Amino acid sequence: MISLSFARFPSAPMQASFRPSRRFFLLASLAVALVPGTLACAQINSPPQAMSNAEVDRLRDAAPEPRERVLAFISFLDQRTQAIEKLDTGRRHAGREEDIRDLMNQFASICDDLDDNLDDYRRGHSDIRKVLAHLRSASERWATILRTPPSDPQYDVARKLALTSLGDVQDSASGMIVEQKIYFASHPAAKEN
């Protein structure tokens, strides 16, 4: 049998029960009151996703095929620029500037994702030459559409970020076109079908 001895700690008082103080109740009440409000604010202030679940699924399905994945990104960016163009040329409505800002932020985020993918394809020597030419011509059209809406403090920063992200994609695509011509000229077996 195991016997417990409290002889080593003779001065330790034994407490029969825990009696919370008023301060404890006040702090606990405050914590319970603030946590749901904090979570709600975090959800309200969190930025919307740049891509819908369907778009993410389409990218996931196209993951094994670099050409299809780049074409999917081009499609998503086309949709965003068409929506921006429609908002700019269409009938004015309340919240128009915020909608344009959100679309430009989505555009910038998708461009950043595309640029990351292009970097991966560059390292892996994926043959996407045909798609790169399409991407380069589409990027010129997108830049024109992004610059079209008149200056507005609601979306000027978002436009600048979108154009910067687009510039990164254009630089990557232009550099890859040259690199891929050189690489696949010296590695003919790996050419695109």
N, C-alpha and C. Protein backbone atom coordinates (compact mmCIF):
# COMPACT_ATOMS: atom_id res chain seq x y z
N MET A 1 0.82 -1.18 0.00
CA MET A 1 0.00 0.00 0.00
C MET A 1 0.86 1.24 0.00
N ILE A 2 0.32 2.26 -0.58
CA ILE A 2 1.02 3.54 -0.63
C ILE A 2 0.42 4.42 0.45
N SER A 3 1.29 4.98 1.20
CA SER A 3 0.80 5.87 2.25
C SER A 3 1.34 7.26 2.00
N LEU A 4 0.48 8.25 2.09
CA LEU A 4 0.89 9.64 1.88
C LEU A 4 1.10 10.30 3.22
N SER A 5 2.19 10.97 3.32
CA SER A 5 2.50 11.65 4.57
C SER A 5 2.66 13.13 4.30
N PHE A 6 1.98 13.94 5.07
CA PHE A 6 2.12 15.39 4.95
C PHE A 6 3.04 15.95 6.01
N ALA A 7 3.84 15.09 6.58
CA ALA A 7 4.74 15.53 7.64
C ALA A 7 5.82 16.46 7.12
N ARG A 8 6.17 16.31 5.85
CA ARG A 8 7.23 17.15 5.29
C ARG A 8 6.76 18.59 5.10
N PHE A 9 5.45 18.81 5.01
CA PHE A 9 4.92 20.15 4.79
C PHE A 9 3.95 20.52 5.91
N PRO A 10 4.45 20.65 7.12
CA PRO A 10 3.55 20.90 8.24
C PRO A 10 2.88 22.27 8.20
N SER A 11 3.49 23.26 7.55
CA SER A 11 2.92 24.60 7.58
C SER A 11 1.95 24.86 6.43
N ALA A 12 1.77 23.91 5.51
CA ALA A 12 0.88 24.12 4.37
C ALA A 12 -0.56 23.99 4.82
N PRO A 13 -1.33 25.06 4.71
CA PRO A 13 -2.72 24.98 5.15
C PRO A 13 -3.55 24.19 4.14
N MET A 14 -4.51 23.48 4.61
CA MET A 14 -5.40 22.69 3.77
C MET A 14 -6.65 23.54 3.51
N GLN A 15 -6.97 23.74 2.24
CA GLN A 15 -8.16 24.50 1.91
C GLN A 15 -9.25 23.54 1.47
N ALA A 16 -10.37 23.67 2.04
CA ALA A 16 -11.47 22.76 1.75
C ALA A 16 -12.15 23.13 0.45
N SER A 17 -12.27 24.40 0.14
CA SER A 17 -12.95 24.80 -1.09
C SER A 17 -12.36 26.11 -1.61
N PHE A 18 -12.62 26.36 -2.87
CA PHE A 18 -12.15 27.59 -3.52
C PHE A 18 -13.27 28.62 -3.45
N ARG A 19 -12.98 29.78 -2.92
CA ARG A 19 -13.97 30.85 -2.82
C ARG A 19 -13.50 32.01 -3.70
N PRO A 20 -14.13 32.17 -4.86
CA PRO A 20 -13.72 33.25 -5.75
C PRO A 20 -14.07 34.62 -5.18
N SER A 21 -13.20 35.55 -5.47
CA SER A 21 -13.41 36.91 -4.98
C SER A 21 -14.26 37.70 -5.98
N ARG A 22 -14.64 38.89 -5.60
CA ARG A 22 -15.38 39.76 -6.51
C ARG A 22 -14.56 40.10 -7.74
N ARG A 23 -13.29 40.28 -7.55
CA ARG A 23 -12.40 40.63 -8.66
C ARG A 23 -12.38 39.51 -9.69
N PHE A 24 -12.35 38.28 -9.22
CA PHE A 24 -12.38 37.13 -10.11
C PHE A 24 -13.65 37.14 -10.96
N PHE A 25 -14.79 37.38 -10.33
CA PHE A 25 -16.06 37.42 -11.06
C PHE A 25 -16.09 38.55 -12.07
N LEU A 26 -15.53 39.69 -11.71
CA LEU A 26 -15.49 40.83 -12.60
C LEU A 26 -14.64 40.52 -13.84
N LEU A 27 -13.46 39.96 -13.63
CA LEU A 27 -12.57 39.62 -14.74
C LEU A 27 -13.17 38.53 -15.63
N ALA A 28 -13.77 37.53 -15.01
CA ALA A 28 -14.40 36.45 -15.78
C ALA A 28 -15.56 36.98 -16.61
N SER A 29 -16.37 37.85 -16.05
CA SER A 29 -17.51 38.44 -16.76
C SER A 29 -17.02 39.29 -17.93
N LEU A 30 -15.98 40.05 -17.69
CA LEU A 30 -15.41 40.89 -18.73
C LEU A 30 -14.88 40.04 -19.88
N ALA A 31 -14.18 38.96 -19.57
CA ALA A 31 -13.63 38.08 -20.60
C ALA A 31 -14.74 37.44 -21.42
N VAL A 32 -15.78 36.98 -20.75
CA VAL A 32 -16.89 36.35 -21.46
C VAL A 32 -17.60 37.36 -22.35
N ALA A 33 -17.69 38.60 -21.91
CA ALA A 33 -18.37 39.63 -22.70
C ALA A 33 -17.53 40.07 -23.90
N LEU A 34 -16.22 40.09 -23.77
CA LEU A 34 -15.36 40.61 -24.83
C LEU A 34 -15.01 39.60 -25.90
N VAL A 35 -14.89 38.34 -25.58
CA VAL A 35 -14.43 37.33 -26.54
C VAL A 35 -15.35 37.24 -27.75
N PRO A 36 -16.68 37.10 -27.60
CA PRO A 36 -17.52 37.03 -28.81
C PRO A 36 -17.44 38.29 -29.66
N GLY A 37 -17.37 39.45 -29.04
CA GLY A 37 -17.26 40.70 -29.79
C GLY A 37 -15.96 40.79 -30.57
N THR A 38 -14.89 40.32 -29.95
CA THR A 38 -13.59 40.32 -30.61
C THR A 38 -13.60 39.39 -31.81
N LEU A 39 -14.19 38.22 -31.66
CA LEU A 39 -14.27 37.27 -32.77
C LEU A 39 -15.12 37.82 -33.90
N ALA A 40 -16.21 38.48 -33.58
CA ALA A 40 -17.07 39.06 -34.61
C ALA A 40 -16.32 40.16 -35.38
N CYS A 41 -15.59 40.99 -34.67
CA CYS A 41 -14.80 42.05 -35.32
C CYS A 41 -13.73 41.45 -36.22
N ALA A 42 -13.13 40.38 -35.76
CA ALA A 42 -12.08 39.74 -36.57
C ALA A 42 -12.68 39.21 -37.86
N GLN A 43 -13.90 38.67 -37.81
CA GLN A 43 -14.54 38.16 -39.02
C GLN A 43 -14.95 39.31 -39.93
N ILE A 44 -15.45 40.39 -39.38
CA ILE A 44 -15.87 41.52 -40.19
C ILE A 44 -14.67 42.18 -40.86
N ASN A 45 -13.56 42.31 -40.14
CA ASN A 45 -12.39 43.00 -40.66
C ASN A 45 -11.50 42.11 -41.51
N SER A 46 -11.75 40.81 -41.56
CA SER A 46 -10.91 39.94 -42.36
C SER A 46 -11.20 40.20 -43.83
N PRO A 47 -10.15 40.26 -44.65
CA PRO A 47 -10.36 40.57 -46.06
C PRO A 47 -11.08 39.41 -46.76
N PRO A 48 -11.88 39.73 -47.77
CA PRO A 48 -12.55 38.65 -48.50
C PRO A 48 -11.52 37.84 -49.29
N GLN A 49 -11.86 36.62 -49.55
CA GLN A 49 -10.96 35.76 -50.31
C GLN A 49 -10.88 36.27 -51.74
N ALA A 50 -9.70 36.17 -52.33
CA ALA A 50 -9.51 36.64 -53.70
C ALA A 50 -10.18 35.72 -54.70
N MET A 51 -10.26 34.44 -54.37
CA MET A 51 -10.85 33.46 -55.28
C MET A 51 -11.98 32.72 -54.60
N SER A 52 -12.96 32.35 -55.39
CA SER A 52 -14.08 31.58 -54.87
C SER A 52 -13.64 30.12 -54.67
N ASN A 53 -14.45 29.36 -53.98
CA ASN A 53 -14.14 27.93 -53.78
C ASN A 53 -14.09 27.20 -55.11
N ALA A 54 -14.96 27.56 -56.04
CA ALA A 54 -14.95 26.92 -57.36
C ALA A 54 -13.64 27.21 -58.10
N GLU A 55 -13.15 28.45 -57.97
CA GLU A 55 -11.89 28.79 -58.63
C GLU A 55 -10.72 28.05 -58.00
N VAL A 56 -10.73 27.92 -56.69
CA VAL A 56 -9.68 27.18 -56.00
C VAL A 56 -9.72 25.71 -56.43
N ASP A 57 -10.92 25.15 -56.55
CA ASP A 57 -11.05 23.76 -57.01
C ASP A 57 -10.53 23.60 -58.43
N ARG A 58 -10.82 24.59 -59.27
CA ARG A 58 -10.34 24.53 -60.66
C ARG A 58 -8.81 24.55 -60.70
N LEU A 59 -8.20 25.38 -59.86
CA LEU A 59 -6.73 25.40 -59.79
C LEU A 59 -6.18 24.07 -59.28
N ARG A 60 -6.83 23.52 -58.28
CA ARG A 60 -6.40 22.25 -57.71
C ARG A 60 -6.48 21.14 -58.77
N ASP A 61 -7.56 21.14 -59.56
CA ASP A 61 -7.72 20.13 -60.61
C ASP A 61 -6.69 20.30 -61.71
N ALA A 62 -6.27 21.54 -61.96
CA ALA A 62 -5.29 21.81 -63.02
C ALA A 62 -3.85 21.73 -62.53
N ALA A 63 -3.64 21.39 -61.28
CA ALA A 63 -2.27 21.38 -60.72
C ALA A 63 -1.29 20.52 -61.49
N PRO A 64 -1.66 19.33 -61.98
CA PRO A 64 -0.66 18.52 -62.70
C PRO A 64 -0.28 19.08 -64.08
N GLU A 65 -1.12 19.97 -64.63
CA GLU A 65 -0.87 20.53 -65.96
C GLU A 65 -0.57 22.02 -65.87
N PRO A 66 0.70 22.40 -65.94
CA PRO A 66 1.05 23.82 -65.82
C PRO A 66 0.32 24.73 -66.82
N ARG A 67 0.16 24.26 -68.08
CA ARG A 67 -0.52 25.10 -69.07
C ARG A 67 -1.96 25.37 -68.67
N GLU A 68 -2.66 24.33 -68.22
CA GLU A 68 -4.05 24.49 -67.81
C GLU A 68 -4.17 25.40 -66.59
N ARG A 69 -3.20 25.29 -65.70
CA ARG A 69 -3.24 26.11 -64.50
C ARG A 69 -3.03 27.59 -64.84
N VAL A 70 -2.09 27.88 -65.74
CA VAL A 70 -1.87 29.27 -66.15
C VAL A 70 -3.10 29.80 -66.89
N LEU A 71 -3.72 28.96 -67.72
CA LEU A 71 -4.94 29.38 -68.41
C LEU A 71 -6.07 29.67 -67.41
N ALA A 72 -6.13 28.90 -66.33
CA ALA A 72 -7.13 29.16 -65.30
C ALA A 72 -6.88 30.52 -64.65
N PHE A 73 -5.62 30.81 -64.33
CA PHE A 73 -5.29 32.12 -63.76
C PHE A 73 -5.68 33.25 -64.72
N ILE A 74 -5.39 33.05 -66.02
CA ILE A 74 -5.74 34.06 -67.02
C ILE A 74 -7.25 34.29 -67.03
N SER A 75 -8.01 33.21 -66.94
CA SER A 75 -9.47 33.31 -66.91
C SER A 75 -9.95 34.10 -65.69
N PHE A 76 -9.38 33.83 -64.52
CA PHE A 76 -9.77 34.53 -63.30
C PHE A 76 -9.45 36.02 -63.39
N LEU A 77 -8.28 36.33 -63.94
CA LEU A 77 -7.89 37.73 -64.06
C LEU A 77 -8.75 38.45 -65.11
N ASP A 78 -9.13 37.73 -66.17
CA ASP A 78 -10.05 38.30 -67.16
C ASP A 78 -11.39 38.65 -66.52
N GLN A 79 -11.89 37.75 -65.67
CA GLN A 79 -13.16 38.00 -65.00
C GLN A 79 -13.08 39.25 -64.13
N ARG A 80 -11.98 39.40 -63.40
CA ARG A 80 -11.85 40.57 -62.52
C ARG A 80 -11.77 41.87 -63.32
N THR A 81 -11.01 41.85 -64.41
CA THR A 81 -10.88 43.09 -65.20
C THR A 81 -12.17 43.41 -65.94
N GLN A 82 -12.91 42.39 -66.38
CA GLN A 82 -14.20 42.66 -67.01
C GLN A 82 -15.18 43.28 -66.02
N ALA A 83 -15.15 42.79 -64.78
CA ALA A 83 -16.02 43.36 -63.74
C ALA A 83 -15.63 44.80 -63.43
N ILE A 84 -14.32 45.09 -63.40
CA ILE A 84 -13.86 46.47 -63.17
C ILE A 84 -14.32 47.36 -64.31
N GLU A 85 -14.17 46.89 -65.53
CA GLU A 85 -14.57 47.66 -66.70
C GLU A 85 -16.08 47.92 -66.69
N LYS A 86 -16.85 46.92 -66.30
CA LYS A 86 -18.31 47.07 -66.24
C LYS A 86 -18.70 48.11 -65.18
N LEU A 87 -18.03 48.06 -64.03
CA LEU A 87 -18.32 49.04 -62.98
C LEU A 87 -17.93 50.45 -63.41
N ASP A 88 -16.84 50.56 -64.15
CA ASP A 88 -16.36 51.88 -64.58
C ASP A 88 -17.25 52.48 -65.65
N THR A 89 -17.71 51.66 -66.59
CA THR A 89 -18.48 52.19 -67.72
C THR A 89 -19.99 52.12 -67.48
N GLY A 90 -20.40 51.32 -66.52
CA GLY A 90 -21.84 51.14 -66.27
C GLY A 90 -22.44 52.26 -65.45
N ARG A 91 -23.67 52.03 -65.08
CA ARG A 91 -24.41 53.00 -64.28
C ARG A 91 -23.80 53.11 -62.89
N ARG A 92 -23.69 54.33 -62.40
CA ARG A 92 -23.12 54.57 -61.07
C ARG A 92 -24.08 54.07 -60.00
N HIS A 93 -23.50 53.50 -58.94
CA HIS A 93 -24.30 53.05 -57.80
C HIS A 93 -23.51 53.25 -56.51
N ALA A 94 -24.23 53.24 -55.41
CA ALA A 94 -23.57 53.41 -54.11
C ALA A 94 -22.65 52.23 -53.86
N GLY A 95 -21.46 52.51 -53.40
CA GLY A 95 -20.49 51.45 -53.12
C GLY A 95 -19.66 51.04 -54.32
N ARG A 96 -19.81 51.76 -55.42
CA ARG A 96 -19.06 51.44 -56.64
C ARG A 96 -17.56 51.47 -56.41
N GLU A 97 -17.08 52.50 -55.72
CA GLU A 97 -15.64 52.64 -55.48
C GLU A 97 -15.11 51.49 -54.63
N GLU A 98 -15.89 51.09 -53.63
CA GLU A 98 -15.47 49.97 -52.77
C GLU A 98 -15.43 48.67 -53.58
N ASP A 99 -16.39 48.50 -54.50
CA ASP A 99 -16.40 47.30 -55.35
C ASP A 99 -15.17 47.27 -56.25
N ILE A 100 -14.83 48.42 -56.82
CA ILE A 100 -13.64 48.48 -57.68
C ILE A 100 -12.39 48.18 -56.85
N ARG A 101 -12.33 48.76 -55.64
CA ARG A 101 -11.18 48.50 -54.77
C ARG A 101 -11.06 47.00 -54.45
N ASP A 102 -12.17 46.36 -54.11
CA ASP A 102 -12.14 44.93 -53.79
C ASP A 102 -11.69 44.11 -55.00
N LEU A 103 -12.18 44.45 -56.18
CA LEU A 103 -11.79 43.72 -57.39
C LEU A 103 -10.30 43.93 -57.70
N MET A 104 -9.82 45.14 -57.48
CA MET A 104 -8.39 45.39 -57.72
C MET A 104 -7.52 44.65 -56.71
N ASN A 105 -7.98 44.57 -55.46
CA ASN A 105 -7.25 43.78 -54.46
C ASN A 105 -7.25 42.30 -54.81
N GLN A 106 -8.39 41.81 -55.29
CA GLN A 106 -8.45 40.41 -55.73
C GLN A 106 -7.51 40.19 -56.91
N PHE A 107 -7.51 41.13 -57.84
CA PHE A 107 -6.64 41.03 -59.01
C PHE A 107 -5.18 40.95 -58.56
N ALA A 108 -4.78 41.81 -57.63
CA ALA A 108 -3.40 41.82 -57.16
C ALA A 108 -3.05 40.48 -56.49
N SER A 109 -3.95 39.96 -55.69
CA SER A 109 -3.70 38.70 -55.00
C SER A 109 -3.57 37.54 -55.98
N ILE A 110 -4.43 37.50 -56.99
CA ILE A 110 -4.37 36.43 -57.99
C ILE A 110 -3.09 36.57 -58.80
N CYS A 111 -2.69 37.80 -59.13
CA CYS A 111 -1.42 38.01 -59.85
C CYS A 111 -0.24 37.50 -59.03
N ASP A 112 -0.26 37.76 -57.74
CA ASP A 112 0.82 37.27 -56.87
C ASP A 112 0.88 35.75 -56.88
N ASP A 113 -0.28 35.11 -56.82
CA ASP A 113 -0.32 33.64 -56.88
C ASP A 113 0.19 33.14 -58.23
N LEU A 114 -0.21 33.80 -59.30
CA LEU A 114 0.26 33.41 -60.64
C LEU A 114 1.77 33.58 -60.74
N ASP A 115 2.29 34.66 -60.23
CA ASP A 115 3.74 34.90 -60.28
C ASP A 115 4.50 33.82 -59.50
N ASP A 116 3.96 33.41 -58.35
CA ASP A 116 4.58 32.31 -57.60
C ASP A 116 4.58 31.03 -58.41
N ASN A 117 3.49 30.76 -59.10
CA ASN A 117 3.41 29.56 -59.95
C ASN A 117 4.40 29.64 -61.10
N LEU A 118 4.53 30.82 -61.70
CA LEU A 118 5.49 30.98 -62.80
C LEU A 118 6.91 30.73 -62.31
N ASP A 119 7.23 31.17 -61.11
CA ASP A 119 8.56 30.90 -60.54
C ASP A 119 8.78 29.39 -60.38
N ASP A 120 7.76 28.68 -59.92
CA ASP A 120 7.87 27.22 -59.79
C ASP A 120 8.06 26.56 -61.15
N TYR A 121 7.32 27.02 -62.15
CA TYR A 121 7.43 26.44 -63.49
C TYR A 121 8.78 26.77 -64.12
N ARG A 122 9.32 27.92 -63.77
CA ARG A 122 10.65 28.29 -64.28
C ARG A 122 11.70 27.32 -63.74
N ARG A 123 11.65 27.06 -62.44
CA ARG A 123 12.62 26.14 -61.83
C ARG A 123 12.45 24.72 -62.34
N GLY A 124 11.21 24.32 -62.60
CA GLY A 124 10.95 22.95 -63.06
C GLY A 124 11.05 22.79 -64.57
N HIS A 125 11.35 23.85 -65.29
CA HIS A 125 11.44 23.85 -66.75
C HIS A 125 10.18 23.30 -67.40
N SER A 126 9.03 23.71 -66.91
CA SER A 126 7.76 23.31 -67.53
C SER A 126 7.60 24.09 -68.83
N ASP A 127 7.22 23.38 -69.89
CA ASP A 127 7.09 24.02 -71.19
C ASP A 127 5.73 24.69 -71.29
N ILE A 128 5.72 25.99 -71.07
CA ILE A 128 4.47 26.76 -71.14
C ILE A 128 4.63 27.93 -72.11
N ARG A 129 5.43 27.73 -73.16
CA ARG A 129 5.72 28.82 -74.09
C ARG A 129 4.48 29.39 -74.76
N LYS A 130 3.58 28.52 -75.23
CA LYS A 130 2.38 29.00 -75.92
C LYS A 130 1.50 29.82 -74.98
N VAL A 131 1.38 29.37 -73.76
CA VAL A 131 0.53 30.06 -72.79
C VAL A 131 1.17 31.39 -72.37
N LEU A 132 2.49 31.44 -72.32
CA LEU A 132 3.17 32.68 -71.93
C LEU A 132 2.90 33.80 -72.94
N ALA A 133 2.85 33.45 -74.23
CA ALA A 133 2.55 34.46 -75.25
C ALA A 133 1.13 34.99 -75.04
N HIS A 134 0.21 34.10 -74.73
CA HIS A 134 -1.18 34.50 -74.45
C HIS A 134 -1.24 35.37 -73.19
N LEU A 135 -0.49 34.98 -72.17
CA LEU A 135 -0.44 35.74 -70.92
C LEU A 135 0.09 37.15 -71.15
N ARG A 136 1.13 37.25 -71.95
CA ARG A 136 1.72 38.56 -72.19
C ARG A 136 0.75 39.51 -72.91
N SER A 137 0.03 39.00 -73.90
CA SER A 137 -0.94 39.86 -74.61
C SER A 137 -2.12 40.22 -73.69
N ALA A 138 -2.56 39.26 -72.87
CA ALA A 138 -3.66 39.54 -71.94
C ALA A 138 -3.23 40.57 -70.89
N SER A 139 -1.99 40.50 -70.45
CA SER A 139 -1.52 41.41 -69.40
C SER A 139 -1.50 42.86 -69.89
N GLU A 140 -1.26 43.07 -71.16
CA GLU A 140 -1.31 44.43 -71.70
C GLU A 140 -2.74 44.97 -71.66
N ARG A 141 -3.70 44.12 -72.00
CA ARG A 141 -5.11 44.50 -71.95
C ARG A 141 -5.53 44.80 -70.51
N TRP A 142 -5.09 43.97 -69.57
CA TRP A 142 -5.44 44.18 -68.16
C TRP A 142 -4.88 45.50 -67.64
N ALA A 143 -3.65 45.81 -68.01
CA ALA A 143 -3.04 47.06 -67.54
C ALA A 143 -3.85 48.26 -68.01
N THR A 144 -4.32 48.21 -69.26
CA THR A 144 -5.12 49.30 -69.79
C THR A 144 -6.43 49.44 -69.01
N ILE A 145 -7.07 48.32 -68.71
CA ILE A 145 -8.35 48.36 -67.97
C ILE A 145 -8.13 48.86 -66.55
N LEU A 146 -7.03 48.45 -65.90
CA LEU A 146 -6.77 48.90 -64.53
C LEU A 146 -6.51 50.41 -64.46
N ARG A 147 -5.96 50.96 -65.52
CA ARG A 147 -5.66 52.40 -65.53
C ARG A 147 -6.88 53.25 -65.94
N THR A 148 -7.92 52.63 -66.49
CA THR A 148 -9.06 53.36 -67.04
C THR A 148 -9.90 54.10 -66.00
N PRO A 149 -10.29 53.51 -64.87
CA PRO A 149 -11.14 54.27 -63.94
C PRO A 149 -10.44 55.54 -63.48
N PRO A 150 -11.22 56.64 -63.34
CA PRO A 150 -10.60 57.91 -62.90
C PRO A 150 -10.03 57.78 -61.49
N SER A 151 -9.11 58.64 -61.18
CA SER A 151 -8.46 58.61 -59.86
C SER A 151 -9.50 58.80 -58.76
N ASP A 152 -9.38 57.97 -57.73
CA ASP A 152 -10.27 58.05 -56.58
C ASP A 152 -9.52 57.55 -55.36
N PRO A 153 -9.57 58.26 -54.25
CA PRO A 153 -8.83 57.83 -53.05
C PRO A 153 -9.30 56.48 -52.51
N GLN A 154 -10.52 56.06 -52.87
CA GLN A 154 -11.03 54.78 -52.40
C GLN A 154 -10.23 53.60 -52.96
N TYR A 155 -9.74 53.72 -54.21
CA TYR A 155 -9.07 52.58 -54.83
C TYR A 155 -7.73 52.90 -55.47
N ASP A 156 -7.20 54.09 -55.30
CA ASP A 156 -5.91 54.43 -55.91
C ASP A 156 -4.78 53.53 -55.40
N VAL A 157 -4.76 53.25 -54.10
CA VAL A 157 -3.71 52.38 -53.54
C VAL A 157 -3.88 50.95 -54.08
N ALA A 158 -5.11 50.47 -54.12
CA ALA A 158 -5.37 49.12 -54.64
C ALA A 158 -4.96 49.03 -56.11
N ARG A 159 -5.21 50.10 -56.88
CA ARG A 159 -4.80 50.10 -58.29
C ARG A 159 -3.28 50.02 -58.41
N LYS A 160 -2.60 50.78 -57.57
CA LYS A 160 -1.13 50.78 -57.61
C LYS A 160 -0.59 49.37 -57.29
N LEU A 161 -1.17 48.72 -56.27
CA LEU A 161 -0.76 47.36 -55.92
C LEU A 161 -1.06 46.38 -57.05
N ALA A 162 -2.23 46.52 -57.66
CA ALA A 162 -2.60 45.63 -58.77
C ALA A 162 -1.65 45.80 -59.95
N LEU A 163 -1.32 47.05 -60.27
CA LEU A 163 -0.40 47.30 -61.39
C LEU A 163 1.01 46.80 -61.07
N THR A 164 1.42 46.93 -59.82
CA THR A 164 2.74 46.41 -59.42
C THR A 164 2.77 44.89 -59.54
N SER A 165 1.73 44.23 -59.05
CA SER A 165 1.67 42.77 -59.15
C SER A 165 1.62 42.32 -60.61
N LEU A 166 0.85 43.05 -61.42
CA LEU A 166 0.79 42.74 -62.84
C LEU A 166 2.14 42.94 -63.51
N GLY A 167 2.85 43.99 -63.12
CA GLY A 167 4.20 44.22 -63.66
C GLY A 167 5.14 43.06 -63.33
N ASP A 168 5.02 42.52 -62.13
CA ASP A 168 5.84 41.36 -61.76
C ASP A 168 5.52 40.16 -62.65
N VAL A 169 4.23 39.95 -62.92
CA VAL A 169 3.84 38.84 -63.80
C VAL A 169 4.36 39.08 -65.21
N GLN A 170 4.26 40.31 -65.70
CA GLN A 170 4.75 40.62 -67.04
C GLN A 170 6.26 40.40 -67.13
N ASP A 171 7.00 40.81 -66.11
CA ASP A 171 8.46 40.60 -66.09
C ASP A 171 8.79 39.11 -66.08
N SER A 172 8.07 38.35 -65.26
CA SER A 172 8.32 36.90 -65.19
C SER A 172 8.02 36.24 -66.52
N ALA A 173 6.88 36.61 -67.13
CA ALA A 173 6.49 35.99 -68.40
C ALA A 173 7.49 36.34 -69.50
N SER A 174 7.90 37.60 -69.58
CA SER A 174 8.86 38.01 -70.61
C SER A 174 10.19 37.29 -70.43
N GLY A 175 10.66 37.22 -69.19
CA GLY A 175 11.91 36.52 -68.93
C GLY A 175 11.81 35.04 -69.23
N MET A 176 10.68 34.44 -68.90
CA MET A 176 10.51 33.00 -69.15
C MET A 176 10.44 32.68 -70.63
N ILE A 177 9.86 33.57 -71.43
CA ILE A 177 9.78 33.31 -72.87
C ILE A 177 11.18 33.16 -73.44
N VAL A 178 12.06 34.06 -73.07
CA VAL A 178 13.44 33.99 -73.56
C VAL A 178 14.15 32.75 -72.99
N GLU A 179 14.02 32.53 -71.69
CA GLU A 179 14.68 31.38 -71.05
C GLU A 179 14.19 30.06 -71.64
N GLN A 180 12.88 29.96 -71.90
CA GLN A 180 12.36 28.71 -72.41
C GLN A 180 12.78 28.47 -73.85
N LYS A 181 12.89 29.52 -74.65
CA LYS A 181 13.39 29.35 -76.02
C LYS A 181 14.79 28.76 -76.00
N ILE A 182 15.63 29.31 -75.13
CA ILE A 182 17.01 28.82 -75.03
C ILE A 182 17.04 27.41 -74.47
N TYR A 183 16.31 27.16 -73.39
CA TYR A 183 16.33 25.85 -72.74
C TYR A 183 15.82 24.75 -73.68
N PHE A 184 14.69 24.99 -74.35
CA PHE A 184 14.11 23.93 -75.16
C PHE A 184 14.80 23.80 -76.52
N ALA A 185 15.60 24.80 -76.90
CA ALA A 185 16.43 24.64 -78.10
C ALA A 185 17.58 23.67 -77.79
N SER A 186 18.08 23.69 -76.55
CA SER A 186 19.17 22.78 -76.19
C SER A 186 18.66 21.45 -75.62
N HIS A 187 17.35 21.33 -75.34
CA HIS A 187 16.73 20.10 -74.83
C HIS A 187 15.50 19.76 -75.67
N PRO A 188 15.69 19.34 -76.93
CA PRO A 188 14.56 19.16 -77.83
C PRO A 188 13.59 18.04 -77.40
N ALA A 189 14.02 17.07 -76.66
CA ALA A 189 13.14 15.97 -76.26
C ALA A 189 12.03 16.43 -75.32
N ALA A 190 12.23 17.52 -74.63
CA ALA A 190 11.27 17.99 -73.62
C ALA A 190 10.29 19.00 -74.19
N LYS A 191 10.21 19.13 -75.54
CA LYS A 191 9.34 20.14 -76.15
C LYS A 191 7.88 19.90 -75.87
N GLU A 192 7.12 20.99 -75.97
CA GLU A 192 5.68 20.97 -75.75
C GLU A 192 5.01 20.19 -76.89
N ASN A 193 3.94 19.48 -76.60
CA ASN A 193 3.21 18.69 -77.62
C ASN A 193 2.41 19.59 -78.52
